[in-house]
Amino acid sequence: MAKCDEGYLCEVCGEPVEKLGDSALYLQYVIGWIDPETLHTRRECHLRCLPSLSQFIDHESFAPLFFEGDFDRRQLDPGFVRERVELVTSGYERIQQLQLRRKDLTVEDYPLPGVMDRWR
């Protein structure tokens, strides 16, 4: 099967990442951690398969998840955690909005306000 026929498979569990709202790749893109020029070269991953990122989502529709180990948010500086929670949760909320109106947008419209300005 051609790579493009396989869909987007999670690099951790190997299962398809079927919804934009489950995508760690697109969440990282939306918050500005992945440059649009390299987005197509990156591997996909479910949010739940990347707890180092998803532990910072603080949203009613996302069941809390914690990362055991040195980078567990409960062990990190509270100021850093607040900033990271704000950024990642804002990105998660943006992804939820995009799922509702994605057909009207291009991938360049996905990032949070100000993110694309940094790449221009």
PDB file of N, CA and C in Angstrom:
ATOM      1  N   MET A   1       0.845  -1.181   0.000  1.00  0.00           N
ATOM      2  CA  MET A   1       0.000   0.000   0.000  1.00  0.00           C
ATOM      3  C   MET A   1       0.889   1.242   0.000  1.00  0.00           C
ATOM      4  N   ALA A   2       0.539   2.215  -0.786  1.00  0.00           N
ATOM      5  CA  ALA A   2       1.294   3.467  -0.834  1.00  0.00           C
ATOM      6  C   ALA A   2       1.150   4.196   0.488  1.00  0.00           C
ATOM      7  N   LYS A   3       2.190   4.946   0.855  1.00  0.00           N
ATOM      8  CA  LYS A   3       2.184   5.680   2.120  1.00  0.00           C
ATOM      9  C   LYS A   3       0.957   6.584   2.234  1.00  0.00           C
ATOM     10  N   CYS A   4       0.599   7.263   1.154  1.00  0.00           N
ATOM     11  CA  CYS A   4      -0.539   8.178   1.212  1.00  0.00           C
ATOM     12  C   CYS A   4      -1.865   7.435   1.393  1.00  0.00           C
ATOM     13  N   ASP A   5      -1.903   6.143   1.077  1.00  0.00           N
ATOM     14  CA  ASP A   5      -3.117   5.349   1.253  1.00  0.00           C
ATOM     15  C   ASP A   5      -3.265   4.824   2.679  1.00  0.00           C
ATOM     16  N   GLU A   6      -2.198   4.911   3.480  1.00  0.00           N
ATOM     17  CA  GLU A   6      -2.237   4.389   4.838  1.00  0.00           C
ATOM     18  C   GLU A   6      -2.936   5.329   5.811  1.00  0.00           C
ATOM     19  N   GLY A   7      -3.101   6.586   5.446  1.00  0.00           N
ATOM     20  CA  GLY A   7      -3.631   7.560   6.377  1.00  0.00           C
ATOM     21  C   GLY A   7      -2.529   8.035   7.301  1.00  0.00           C
ATOM     22  N   TYR A   8      -2.908   8.654   8.378  1.00  0.00           N
ATOM     23  CA  TYR A   8      -1.935   9.169   9.324  1.00  0.00           C
ATOM     24  C   TYR A   8      -1.908   8.254  10.533  1.00  0.00           C
ATOM     25  N   LEU A   9      -0.835   7.491  10.642  1.00  0.00           N
ATOM     26  CA  LEU A   9      -0.715   6.527  11.721  1.00  0.00           C
ATOM     27  C   LEU A   9       0.100   7.114  12.863  1.00  0.00           C
ATOM     28  N   CYS A  10      -0.322   6.826  14.085  1.00  0.00           N
ATOM     29  CA  CYS A  10       0.374   7.291  15.284  1.00  0.00           C
ATOM     30  C   CYS A  10       1.722   6.579  15.377  1.00  0.00           C
ATOM     31  N   GLU A  11       2.772   7.347  15.584  1.00  0.00           N
ATOM     32  CA  GLU A  11       4.103   6.761  15.676  1.00  0.00           C
ATOM     33  C   GLU A  11       4.301   5.979  16.968  1.00  0.00           C
ATOM     34  N   VAL A  12       3.417   6.140  17.938  1.00  0.00           N
ATOM     35  CA  VAL A  12       3.537   5.425  19.209  1.00  0.00           C
ATOM     36  C   VAL A  12       2.746   4.121  19.194  1.00  0.00           C
ATOM     37  N   CYS A  13       1.444   4.212  18.887  1.00  0.00           N
ATOM     38  CA  CYS A  13       0.596   3.024  18.971  1.00  0.00           C
ATOM     39  C   CYS A  13       0.338   2.354  17.619  1.00  0.00           C
ATOM     40  N   GLY A  14       0.602   3.077  16.526  1.00  0.00           N
ATOM     41  CA  GLY A  14       0.411   2.516  15.196  1.00  0.00           C
ATOM     42  C   GLY A  14      -1.006   2.602  14.665  1.00  0.00           C
ATOM     43  N   GLU A  15      -1.949   3.083  15.464  1.00  0.00           N
ATOM     44  CA  GLU A  15      -3.341   3.220  15.038  1.00  0.00           C
ATOM     45  C   GLU A  15      -3.540   4.532  14.282  1.00  0.00           C
ATOM     46  N   PRO A  16      -4.555   4.615  13.423  1.00  0.00           N
ATOM     47  CA  PRO A  16      -4.810   5.859  12.686  1.00  0.00           C
ATOM     48  C   PRO A  16      -5.199   7.012  13.615  1.00  0.00           C
ATOM     49  N   VAL A  17      -4.712   8.180  13.295  1.00  0.00           N
ATOM     50  CA  VAL A  17      -5.148   9.407  13.961  1.00  0.00           C
ATOM     51  C   VAL A  17      -6.226   9.969  13.044  1.00  0.00           C
ATOM     52  N   GLU A  18      -7.453   9.688  13.388  1.00  0.00           N
ATOM     53  CA  GLU A  18      -8.562   9.959  12.469  1.00  0.00           C
ATOM     54  C   GLU A  18      -9.142  11.360  12.582  1.00  0.00           C
ATOM     55  N   LYS A  19      -9.023  11.979  13.759  1.00  0.00           N
ATOM     56  CA  LYS A  19      -9.620  13.298  13.965  1.00  0.00           C
ATOM     57  C   LYS A  19      -8.548  14.334  14.248  1.00  0.00           C
ATOM     58  N   LEU A  20      -8.759  15.510  13.737  1.00  0.00           N
ATOM     59  CA  LEU A  20      -7.858  16.621  13.997  1.00  0.00           C
ATOM     60  C   LEU A  20      -7.738  16.859  15.503  1.00  0.00           C
ATOM     61  N   GLY A  21      -8.836  16.694  16.221  1.00  0.00           N
ATOM     62  CA  GLY A  21      -8.847  16.923  17.667  1.00  0.00           C
ATOM     63  C   GLY A  21      -8.042  15.919  18.461  1.00  0.00           C
ATOM     64  N   ASP A  22      -7.608  14.841  17.840  1.00  0.00           N
ATOM     65  CA  ASP A  22      -6.776  13.833  18.503  1.00  0.00           C
ATOM     66  C   ASP A  22      -5.300  13.967  18.128  1.00  0.00           C
ATOM     67  N   SER A  23      -4.960  14.942  17.314  1.00  0.00           N
ATOM     68  CA  SER A  23      -3.631  15.051  16.727  1.00  0.00           C
ATOM     69  C   SER A  23      -2.662  15.895  17.553  1.00  0.00           C
ATOM     70  N   ALA A  24      -1.623  15.268  18.062  1.00  0.00           N
ATOM     71  CA  ALA A  24      -0.548  15.995  18.748  1.00  0.00           C
ATOM     72  C   ALA A  24       0.247  16.817  17.737  1.00  0.00           C
ATOM     73  N   LEU A  25       0.395  16.298  16.522  1.00  0.00           N
ATOM     74  CA  LEU A  25       1.121  17.009  15.478  1.00  0.00           C
ATOM     75  C   LEU A  25       0.473  18.364  15.194  1.00  0.00           C
ATOM     76  N   TYR A  26      -0.819  18.359  14.960  1.00  0.00           N
ATOM     77  CA  TYR A  26      -1.492  19.612  14.634  1.00  0.00           C
ATOM     78  C   TYR A  26      -1.627  20.529  15.838  1.00  0.00           C
ATOM     79  N   LEU A  27      -1.723  19.987  17.030  1.00  0.00           N
ATOM     80  CA  LEU A  27      -1.724  20.845  18.209  1.00  0.00           C
ATOM     81  C   LEU A  27      -0.392  21.594  18.299  1.00  0.00           C
ATOM     82  N   GLN A  28       0.700  20.894  18.076  1.00  0.00           N
ATOM     83  CA  GLN A  28       2.015  21.539  18.122  1.00  0.00           C
ATOM     84  C   GLN A  28       2.160  22.583  17.012  1.00  0.00           C
ATOM     85  N   TYR A  29       1.589  22.302  15.866  1.00  0.00           N
ATOM     86  CA  TYR A  29       1.606  23.273  14.765  1.00  0.00           C
ATOM     87  C   TYR A  29       0.793  24.512  15.128  1.00  0.00           C
ATOM     88  N   VAL A  30      -0.389  24.305  15.681  1.00  0.00           N
ATOM     89  CA  VAL A  30      -1.284  25.408  16.038  1.00  0.00           C
ATOM     90  C   VAL A  30      -0.650  26.342  17.070  1.00  0.00           C
ATOM     91  N   ILE A  31       0.119  25.792  18.001  1.00  0.00           N
ATOM     92  CA  ILE A  31       0.722  26.628  19.042  1.00  0.00           C
ATOM     93  C   ILE A  31       2.092  27.181  18.634  1.00  0.00           C
ATOM     94  N   GLY A  32       2.552  26.827  17.440  1.00  0.00           N
ATOM     95  CA  GLY A  32       3.779  27.414  16.928  1.00  0.00           C
ATOM     96  C   GLY A  32       5.045  26.633  17.173  1.00  0.00           C
ATOM     97  N   TRP A  33       4.937  25.380  17.566  1.00  0.00           N
ATOM     98  CA  TRP A  33       6.123  24.563  17.824  1.00  0.00           C
ATOM     99  C   TRP A  33       6.618  23.846  16.577  1.00  0.00           C
ATOM    100  N   ILE A  34       5.801  23.796  15.548  1.00  0.00           N
ATOM    101  CA  ILE A  34       6.202  23.160  14.294  1.00  0.00           C
ATOM    102  C   ILE A  34       6.025  24.169  13.170  1.00  0.00           C
ATOM    103  N   ASP A  35       7.082  24.392  12.449  1.00  0.00           N
ATOM    104  CA  ASP A  35       7.108  25.319  11.331  1.00  0.00           C
ATOM    105  C   ASP A  35       6.242  24.757  10.192  1.00  0.00           C
ATOM    106  N   PRO A  36       5.458  25.610   9.531  1.00  0.00           N
ATOM    107  CA  PRO A  36       4.608  25.117   8.447  1.00  0.00           C
ATOM    108  C   PRO A  36       5.392  24.472   7.306  1.00  0.00           C
ATOM    109  N   GLU A  37       6.638  24.874   7.134  1.00  0.00           N
ATOM    110  CA  GLU A  37       7.460  24.299   6.064  1.00  0.00           C
ATOM    111  C   GLU A  37       7.860  22.856   6.350  1.00  0.00           C
ATOM    112  N   THR A  38       7.815  22.451   7.616  1.00  0.00           N
ATOM    113  CA  THR A  38       8.223  21.085   7.972  1.00  0.00           C
ATOM    114  C   THR A  38       7.046  20.218   8.419  1.00  0.00           C
ATOM    115  N   LEU A  39       5.857  20.782   8.452  1.00  0.00           N
ATOM    116  CA  LEU A  39       4.686  20.040   8.926  1.00  0.00           C
ATOM    117  C   LEU A  39       4.508  18.722   8.181  1.00  0.00           C
ATOM    118  N   HIS A  40       4.646  18.737   6.899  1.00  0.00           N
ATOM    119  CA  HIS A  40       4.419  17.536   6.083  1.00  0.00           C
ATOM    120  C   HIS A  40       5.500  16.470   6.285  1.00  0.00           C
ATOM    121  N   THR A  41       6.604  16.812   6.913  1.00  0.00           N
ATOM    122  CA  THR A  41       7.692  15.843   7.117  1.00  0.00           C
ATOM    123  C   THR A  41       7.623  15.180   8.487  1.00  0.00           C
ATOM    124  N   ARG A  42       6.716  15.635   9.329  1.00  0.00           N
ATOM    125  CA  ARG A  42       6.633  15.153  10.702  1.00  0.00           C
ATOM    126  C   ARG A  42       5.736  13.936  10.826  1.00  0.00           C
ATOM    127  N   ARG A  43       6.012  13.124  11.820  1.00  0.00           N
ATOM    128  CA  ARG A  43       5.190  11.946  12.097  1.00  0.00           C
ATOM    129  C   ARG A  43       4.000  12.351  12.965  1.00  0.00           C
ATOM    130  N   GLU A  44       2.918  11.642  12.814  1.00  0.00           N
ATOM    131  CA  GLU A  44       1.686  11.913  13.556  1.00  0.00           C
ATOM    132  C   GLU A  44       1.685  11.148  14.874  1.00  0.00           C
ATOM    133  N   CYS A  45       0.884  11.618  15.805  1.00  0.00           N
ATOM    134  CA  CYS A  45       0.772  10.989  17.116  1.00  0.00           C
ATOM    135  C   CYS A  45      -0.550  11.415  17.756  1.00  0.00           C
ATOM    136  N   HIS A  46      -1.202  10.485  18.448  1.00  0.00           N
ATOM    137  CA  HIS A  46      -2.394  10.837  19.221  1.00  0.00           C
ATOM    138  C   HIS A  46      -1.995  11.691  20.418  1.00  0.00           C
ATOM    139  N   LEU A  47      -2.862  12.594  20.808  1.00  0.00           N
ATOM    140  CA  LEU A  47      -2.600  13.376  22.021  1.00  0.00           C
ATOM    141  C   LEU A  47      -2.378  12.470  23.228  1.00  0.00           C
ATOM    142  N   ARG A  48      -3.189  11.444  23.345  1.00  0.00           N
ATOM    143  CA  ARG A  48      -3.076  10.541  24.493  1.00  0.00           C
ATOM    144  C   ARG A  48      -1.789   9.711  24.463  1.00  0.00           C
ATOM    145  N   CYS A  49      -1.181   9.602  23.309  1.00  0.00           N
ATOM    146  CA  CYS A  49       0.081   8.858  23.180  1.00  0.00           C
ATOM    147  C   CYS A  49       1.289   9.753  23.424  1.00  0.00           C
ATOM    148  N   LEU A  50       1.058  11.030  23.667  1.00  0.00           N
ATOM    149  CA  LEU A  50       2.137  11.975  23.932  1.00  0.00           C
ATOM    150  C   LEU A  50       1.845  12.735  25.237  1.00  0.00           C
ATOM    151  N   PRO A  51       1.925  12.034  26.365  1.00  0.00           N
ATOM    152  CA  PRO A  51       1.566  12.660  27.638  1.00  0.00           C
ATOM    153  C   PRO A  51       2.474  13.821  28.041  1.00  0.00           C
ATOM    154  N   SER A  52       3.692  13.878  27.522  1.00  0.00           N
ATOM    155  CA  SER A  52       4.570  15.003  27.839  1.00  0.00           C
ATOM    156  C   SER A  52       3.972  16.322  27.349  1.00  0.00           C
ATOM    157  N   LEU A  53       3.174  16.276  26.306  1.00  0.00           N
ATOM    158  CA  LEU A  53       2.458  17.445  25.794  1.00  0.00           C
ATOM    159  C   LEU A  53       1.051  17.531  26.375  1.00  0.00           C
ATOM    160  N   SER A  54       0.312  16.448  26.293  1.00  0.00           N
ATOM    161  CA  SER A  54      -1.112  16.491  26.646  1.00  0.00           C
ATOM    162  C   SER A  54      -1.372  16.682  28.136  1.00  0.00           C
ATOM    163  N   GLN A  55      -0.374  16.469  28.995  1.00  0.00           N
ATOM    164  CA  GLN A  55      -0.566  16.735  30.421  1.00  0.00           C
ATOM    165  C   GLN A  55      -0.842  18.215  30.689  1.00  0.00           C
ATOM    166  N   PHE A  56      -0.554  19.078  29.708  1.00  0.00           N
ATOM    167  CA  PHE A  56      -0.770  20.512  29.863  1.00  0.00           C
ATOM    168  C   PHE A  56      -2.120  20.977  29.333  1.00  0.00           C
ATOM    169  N   ILE A  57      -2.955  20.054  28.864  1.00  0.00           N
ATOM    170  CA  ILE A  57      -4.306  20.412  28.428  1.00  0.00           C
ATOM    171  C   ILE A  57      -5.207  20.415  29.651  1.00  0.00           C
ATOM    172  N   ASP A  58      -5.785  21.562  29.925  1.00  0.00           N
ATOM    173  CA  ASP A  58      -6.706  21.724  31.048  1.00  0.00           C
ATOM    174  C   ASP A  58      -8.047  22.172  30.468  1.00  0.00           C
ATOM    175  N   HIS A  59      -8.828  21.192  30.047  1.00  0.00           N
ATOM    176  CA  HIS A  59     -10.085  21.486  29.358  1.00  0.00           C
ATOM    177  C   HIS A  59     -11.123  20.446  29.759  1.00  0.00           C
ATOM    178  N   GLU A  60     -12.361  20.876  29.904  1.00  0.00           N
ATOM    179  CA  GLU A  60     -13.438  19.985  30.352  1.00  0.00           C
ATOM    180  C   GLU A  60     -13.661  18.790  29.431  1.00  0.00           C
ATOM    181  N   SER A  61     -13.337  18.925  28.152  1.00  0.00           N
ATOM    182  CA  SER A  61     -13.573  17.821  27.224  1.00  0.00           C
ATOM    183  C   SER A  61     -12.373  16.876  27.101  1.00  0.00           C
ATOM    184  N   PHE A  62     -11.318  17.134  27.865  1.00  0.00           N
ATOM    185  CA  PHE A  62     -10.117  16.299  27.798  1.00  0.00           C
ATOM    186  C   PHE A  62      -9.815  15.758  29.188  1.00  0.00           C
ATOM    187  N   ALA A  63      -9.933  14.451  29.344  1.00  0.00           N
ATOM    188  CA  ALA A  63      -9.660  13.830  30.641  1.00  0.00           C
ATOM    189  C   ALA A  63      -8.194  14.043  31.010  1.00  0.00           C
ATOM    190  N   PRO A  64      -7.925  14.503  32.229  1.00  0.00           N
ATOM    191  CA  PRO A  64      -6.544  14.776  32.643  1.00  0.00           C
ATOM    192  C   PRO A  64      -5.629  13.567  32.445  1.00  0.00           C
ATOM    193  N   LEU A  65      -4.426  13.873  32.067  1.00  0.00           N
ATOM    194  CA  LEU A  65      -3.427  12.851  31.812  1.00  0.00           C
ATOM    195  C   LEU A  65      -2.116  13.361  32.404  1.00  0.00           C
ATOM    196  N   PHE A  66      -1.365  12.503  33.037  1.00  0.00           N
ATOM    197  CA  PHE A  66      -0.109  12.931  33.642  1.00  0.00           C
ATOM    198  C   PHE A  66       1.055  12.130  33.085  1.00  0.00           C
ATOM    199  N   PHE A  67       2.182  12.774  33.047  1.00  0.00           N
ATOM    200  CA  PHE A  67       3.418  12.207  32.538  1.00  0.00           C
ATOM    201  C   PHE A  67       4.264  11.811  33.735  1.00  0.00           C
ATOM    202  N   GLU A  68       4.499  10.554  33.915  1.00  0.00           N
ATOM    203  CA  GLU A  68       5.312  10.091  35.031  1.00  0.00           C
ATOM    204  C   GLU A  68       6.781  10.268  34.692  1.00  0.00           C
ATOM    205  N   GLY A  69       7.534  10.847  35.602  1.00  0.00           N
ATOM    206  CA  GLY A  69       8.963  11.013  35.380  1.00  0.00           C
ATOM    207  C   GLY A  69       9.422  12.429  35.639  1.00  0.00           C
ATOM    208  N   ASP A  70      10.614  12.729  35.178  1.00  0.00           N
ATOM    209  CA  ASP A  70      11.244  14.020  35.450  1.00  0.00           C
ATOM    210  C   ASP A  70      10.466  15.212  34.906  1.00  0.00           C
ATOM    211  N   PHE A  71       9.678  15.012  33.863  1.00  0.00           N
ATOM    212  CA  PHE A  71       8.967  16.128  33.255  1.00  0.00           C
ATOM    213  C   PHE A  71       7.480  16.143  33.588  1.00  0.00           C
ATOM    214  N   ASP A  72       7.107  15.448  34.640  1.00  0.00           N
ATOM    215  CA  ASP A  72       5.738  15.477  35.165  1.00  0.00           C
ATOM    216  C   ASP A  72       5.436  16.917  35.586  1.00  0.00           C
ATOM    217  N   ARG A  73       4.361  17.479  35.076  1.00  0.00           N
ATOM    218  CA  ARG A  73       4.044  18.882  35.364  1.00  0.00           C
ATOM    219  C   ARG A  73       3.905  19.148  36.853  1.00  0.00           C
ATOM    220  N   ARG A  74       3.575  18.128  37.627  1.00  0.00           N
ATOM    221  CA  ARG A  74       3.438  18.302  39.069  1.00  0.00           C
ATOM    222  C   ARG A  74       4.791  18.514  39.742  1.00  0.00           C
ATOM    223  N   GLN A  75       5.865  18.244  39.011  1.00  0.00           N
ATOM    224  CA  GLN A  75       7.222  18.399  39.545  1.00  0.00           C
ATOM    225  C   GLN A  75       7.919  19.658  38.999  1.00  0.00           C
ATOM    226  N   LEU A  76       7.277  20.357  38.089  1.00  0.00           N
ATOM    227  CA  LEU A  76       7.898  21.500  37.426  1.00  0.00           C
ATOM    228  C   LEU A  76       7.561  22.813  38.119  1.00  0.00           C
ATOM    229  N   ASP A  77       8.286  23.855  37.756  1.00  0.00           N
ATOM    230  CA  ASP A  77       8.070  25.198  38.292  1.00  0.00           C
ATOM    231  C   ASP A  77       6.625  25.634  38.016  1.00  0.00           C
ATOM    232  N   PRO A  78       5.916  26.085  39.051  1.00  0.00           N
ATOM    233  CA  PRO A  78       4.504  26.473  38.871  1.00  0.00           C
ATOM    234  C   PRO A  78       4.287  27.567  37.825  1.00  0.00           C
ATOM    235  N   GLY A  79       5.203  28.529  37.717  1.00  0.00           N
ATOM    236  CA  GLY A  79       5.064  29.581  36.706  1.00  0.00           C
ATOM    237  C   GLY A  79       5.178  29.027  35.297  1.00  0.00           C
ATOM    238  N   PHE A  80       6.144  28.141  35.096  1.00  0.00           N
ATOM    239  CA  PHE A  80       6.303  27.486  33.798  1.00  0.00           C
ATOM    240  C   PHE A  80       5.054  26.676  33.463  1.00  0.00           C
ATOM    241  N   VAL A  81       4.550  25.944  34.441  1.00  0.00           N
ATOM    242  CA  VAL A  81       3.366  25.111  34.218  1.00  0.00           C
ATOM    243  C   VAL A  81       2.171  25.977  33.834  1.00  0.00           C
ATOM    244  N   ARG A  82       1.972  27.090  34.525  1.00  0.00           N
ATOM    245  CA  ARG A  82       0.855  27.991  34.195  1.00  0.00           C
ATOM    246  C   ARG A  82       0.943  28.462  32.745  1.00  0.00           C
ATOM    247  N   GLU A  83       2.136  28.900  32.335  1.00  0.00           N
ATOM    248  CA  GLU A  83       2.319  29.378  30.967  1.00  0.00           C
ATOM    249  C   GLU A  83       2.085  28.263  29.944  1.00  0.00           C
ATOM    250  N   ARG A  84       2.621  27.094  30.250  1.00  0.00           N
ATOM    251  CA  ARG A  84       2.481  25.966  29.318  1.00  0.00           C
ATOM    252  C   ARG A  84       1.023  25.525  29.240  1.00  0.00           C
ATOM    253  N   VAL A  85       0.322  25.477  30.357  1.00  0.00           N
ATOM    254  CA  VAL A  85      -1.098  25.104  30.361  1.00  0.00           C
ATOM    255  C   VAL A  85      -1.903  26.102  29.537  1.00  0.00           C
ATOM    256  N   GLU A  86      -1.604  27.376  29.704  1.00  0.00           N
ATOM    257  CA  GLU A  86      -2.330  28.398  28.949  1.00  0.00           C
ATOM    258  C   GLU A  86      -2.114  28.223  27.445  1.00  0.00           C
ATOM    259  N   LEU A  87      -0.873  28.029  27.035  1.00  0.00           N
ATOM    260  CA  LEU A  87      -0.564  27.875  25.613  1.00  0.00           C
ATOM    261  C   LEU A  87      -1.167  26.599  25.030  1.00  0.00           C
ATOM    262  N   VAL A  88      -0.921  25.467  25.665  1.00  0.00           N
ATOM    263  CA  VAL A  88      -1.366  24.182  25.120  1.00  0.00           C
ATOM    264  C   VAL A  88      -2.890  24.076  25.161  1.00  0.00           C
ATOM    265  N   THR A  89      -3.499  24.562  26.223  1.00  0.00           N
ATOM    266  CA  THR A  89      -4.967  24.535  26.298  1.00  0.00           C
ATOM    267  C   THR A  89      -5.576  25.450  25.240  1.00  0.00           C
ATOM    268  N   SER A  90      -4.979  26.612  25.012  1.00  0.00           N
ATOM    269  CA  SER A  90      -5.467  27.507  23.946  1.00  0.00           C
ATOM    270  C   SER A  90      -5.375  26.819  22.589  1.00  0.00           C
ATOM    271  N   GLY A  91      -4.277  26.115  22.370  1.00  0.00           N
ATOM    272  CA  GLY A  91      -4.132  25.362  21.123  1.00  0.00           C
ATOM    273  C   GLY A  91      -5.155  24.257  20.997  1.00  0.00           C
ATOM    274  N   TYR A  92      -5.406  23.559  22.093  1.00  0.00           N
ATOM    275  CA  TYR A  92      -6.408  22.497  22.090  1.00  0.00           C
ATOM    276  C   TYR A  92      -7.797  23.072  21.763  1.00  0.00           C
ATOM    277  N   GLU A  93      -8.126  24.203  22.366  1.00  0.00           N
ATOM    278  CA  GLU A  93      -9.415  24.836  22.090  1.00  0.00           C
ATOM    279  C   GLU A  93      -9.507  25.257  20.623  1.00  0.00           C
ATOM    280  N   ARG A  94      -8.401  25.748  20.076  1.00  0.00           N
ATOM    281  CA  ARG A  94      -8.374  26.132  18.664  1.00  0.00           C
ATOM    282  C   ARG A  94      -8.623  24.914  17.774  1.00  0.00           C
ATOM    283  N   ILE A  95      -7.989  23.809  18.105  1.00  0.00           N
ATOM    284  CA  ILE A  95      -8.187  22.567  17.342  1.00  0.00           C
ATOM    285  C   ILE A  95      -9.658  22.143  17.394  1.00  0.00           C
ATOM    286  N   GLN A  96     -10.286  22.284  18.544  1.00  0.00           N
ATOM    287  CA  GLN A  96     -11.701  21.926  18.659  1.00  0.00           C
ATOM    288  C   GLN A  96     -12.548  22.820  17.750  1.00  0.00           C
ATOM    289  N   GLN A  97     -12.234  24.102  17.701  1.00  0.00           N
ATOM    290  CA  GLN A  97     -12.951  25.025  16.808  1.00  0.00           C
ATOM    291  C   GLN A  97     -12.730  24.654  15.342  1.00  0.00           C
ATOM    292  N   LEU A  98     -11.498  24.301  15.012  1.00  0.00           N
ATOM    293  CA  LEU A  98     -11.174  23.965  13.624  1.00  0.00           C
ATOM    294  C   LEU A  98     -11.956  22.753  13.139  1.00  0.00           C
ATOM    295  N   GLN A  99     -12.205  21.811  14.007  1.00  0.00           N
ATOM    296  CA  GLN A  99     -12.959  20.618  13.609  1.00  0.00           C
ATOM    297  C   GLN A  99     -14.348  20.985  13.117  1.00  0.00           C
ATOM    298  N   LEU A 100     -14.903  22.068  13.648  1.00  0.00           N
ATOM    299  CA  LEU A 100     -16.250  22.479  13.280  1.00  0.00           C
ATOM    300  C   LEU A 100     -16.308  23.239  11.959  1.00  0.00           C
ATOM    301  N   ARG A 101     -15.226  23.950  11.614  1.00  0.00           N
ATOM    302  CA  ARG A 101     -15.286  24.778  10.402  1.00  0.00           C
ATOM    303  C   ARG A 101     -14.068  24.636   9.514  1.00  0.00           C
ATOM    304  N   ARG A 102     -13.414  23.510   9.580  1.00  0.00           N
ATOM    305  CA  ARG A 102     -12.169  23.273   8.855  1.00  0.00           C
ATOM    306  C   ARG A 102     -12.310  23.414   7.342  1.00  0.00           C
ATOM    307  N   LYS A 103     -13.438  23.060   6.801  1.00  0.00           N
ATOM    308  CA  LYS A 103     -13.586  23.101   5.337  1.00  0.00           C
ATOM    309  C   LYS A 103     -13.499  24.523   4.786  1.00  0.00           C
ATOM    310  N   ASP A 104     -13.710  25.518   5.645  1.00  0.00           N
ATOM    311  CA  ASP A 104     -13.641  26.913   5.212  1.00  0.00           C
ATOM    312  C   ASP A 104     -12.234  27.494   5.317  1.00  0.00           C
ATOM    313  N   LEU A 105     -11.282  26.723   5.827  1.00  0.00           N
ATOM    314  CA  LEU A 105      -9.949  27.239   6.122  1.00  0.00           C
ATOM    315  C   LEU A 105      -8.859  26.471   5.391  1.00  0.00           C
ATOM    316  N   THR A 106      -7.701  27.104   5.277  1.00  0.00           N
ATOM    317  CA  THR A 106      -6.514  26.411   4.797  1.00  0.00           C
ATOM    318  C   THR A 106      -5.645  26.111   6.015  1.00  0.00           C
ATOM    319  N   VAL A 107      -4.661  25.257   5.853  1.00  0.00           N
ATOM    320  CA  VAL A 107      -3.773  24.901   6.956  1.00  0.00           C
ATOM    321  C   VAL A 107      -3.069  26.140   7.510  1.00  0.00           C
ATOM    322  N   GLU A 108      -2.828  27.118   6.684  1.00  0.00           N
ATOM    323  CA  GLU A 108      -2.203  28.352   7.156  1.00  0.00           C
ATOM    324  C   GLU A 108      -3.096  29.139   8.105  1.00  0.00           C
ATOM    325  N   ASP A 109      -4.402  28.851   8.101  1.00  0.00           N
ATOM    326  CA  ASP A 109      -5.339  29.520   9.007  1.00  0.00           C
ATOM    327  C   ASP A 109      -5.416  28.839  10.371  1.00  0.00           C
ATOM    328  N   TYR A 110      -4.819  27.676  10.529  1.00  0.00           N
ATOM    329  CA  TYR A 110      -4.963  26.893  11.750  1.00  0.00           C
ATOM    330  C   TYR A 110      -4.295  27.498  12.992  1.00  0.00           C
ATOM    331  N   PRO A 111      -3.070  28.026  12.896  1.00  0.00           N
ATOM    332  CA  PRO A 111      -2.371  28.466  14.112  1.00  0.00           C
ATOM    333  C   PRO A 111      -3.091  29.559  14.900  1.00  0.00           C
ATOM    334  N   LEU A 112      -2.728  29.631  16.165  1.00  0.00           N
ATOM    335  CA  LEU A 112      -3.233  30.689  17.033  1.00  0.00           C
ATOM    336  C   LEU A 112      -2.817  32.049  16.472  1.00  0.00           C
ATOM    337  N   PRO A 113      -3.564  33.105  16.792  1.00  0.00           N
ATOM    338  CA  PRO A 113      -3.188  34.441  16.320  1.00  0.00           C
ATOM    339  C   PRO A 113      -1.739  34.776  16.699  1.00  0.00           C
ATOM    340  N   GLY A 114      -1.031  35.350  15.752  1.00  0.00           N
ATOM    341  CA  GLY A 114       0.343  35.743  15.984  1.00  0.00           C
ATOM    342  C   GLY A 114       1.391  34.722  15.630  1.00  0.00           C
ATOM    343  N   VAL A 115       1.002  33.456  15.586  1.00  0.00           N
ATOM    344  CA  VAL A 115       1.978  32.393  15.310  1.00  0.00           C
ATOM    345  C   VAL A 115       2.533  32.512  13.898  1.00  0.00           C
ATOM    346  N   MET A 116       1.671  32.693  12.908  1.00  0.00           N
ATOM    347  CA  MET A 116       2.140  32.775  11.526  1.00  0.00           C
ATOM    348  C   MET A 116       3.038  34.007  11.321  1.00  0.00           C
ATOM    349  N   ASP A 117       2.801  35.072  12.071  1.00  0.00           N
ATOM    350  CA  ASP A 117       3.635  36.266  11.951  1.00  0.00           C
ATOM    351  C   ASP A 117       5.094  35.953  12.256  1.00  0.00           C
ATOM    352  N   ARG A 118       5.335  35.051  13.168  1.00  0.00           N
ATOM    353  CA  ARG A 118       6.721  34.690  13.529  1.00  0.00           C
ATOM    354  C   ARG A 118       7.432  33.996  12.378  1.00  0.00           C
ATOM    355  N   TRP A 119       6.691  33.310  11.513  1.00  0.00           N
ATOM    356  CA  TRP A 119       7.309  32.563  10.418  1.00  0.00           C
ATOM    357  C   TRP A 119       7.452  33.388   9.145  1.00  0.00           C
ATOM    358  N   ARG A 120       6.823  34.524   9.106  1.00  0.00           N
ATOM    359  CA  ARG A 120       6.871  35.359   7.887  1.00  0.00           C
ATOM    360  C   ARG A 120       8.114  36.197   7.882  1.00  0.00           C
TER     361      ARG A 120
END
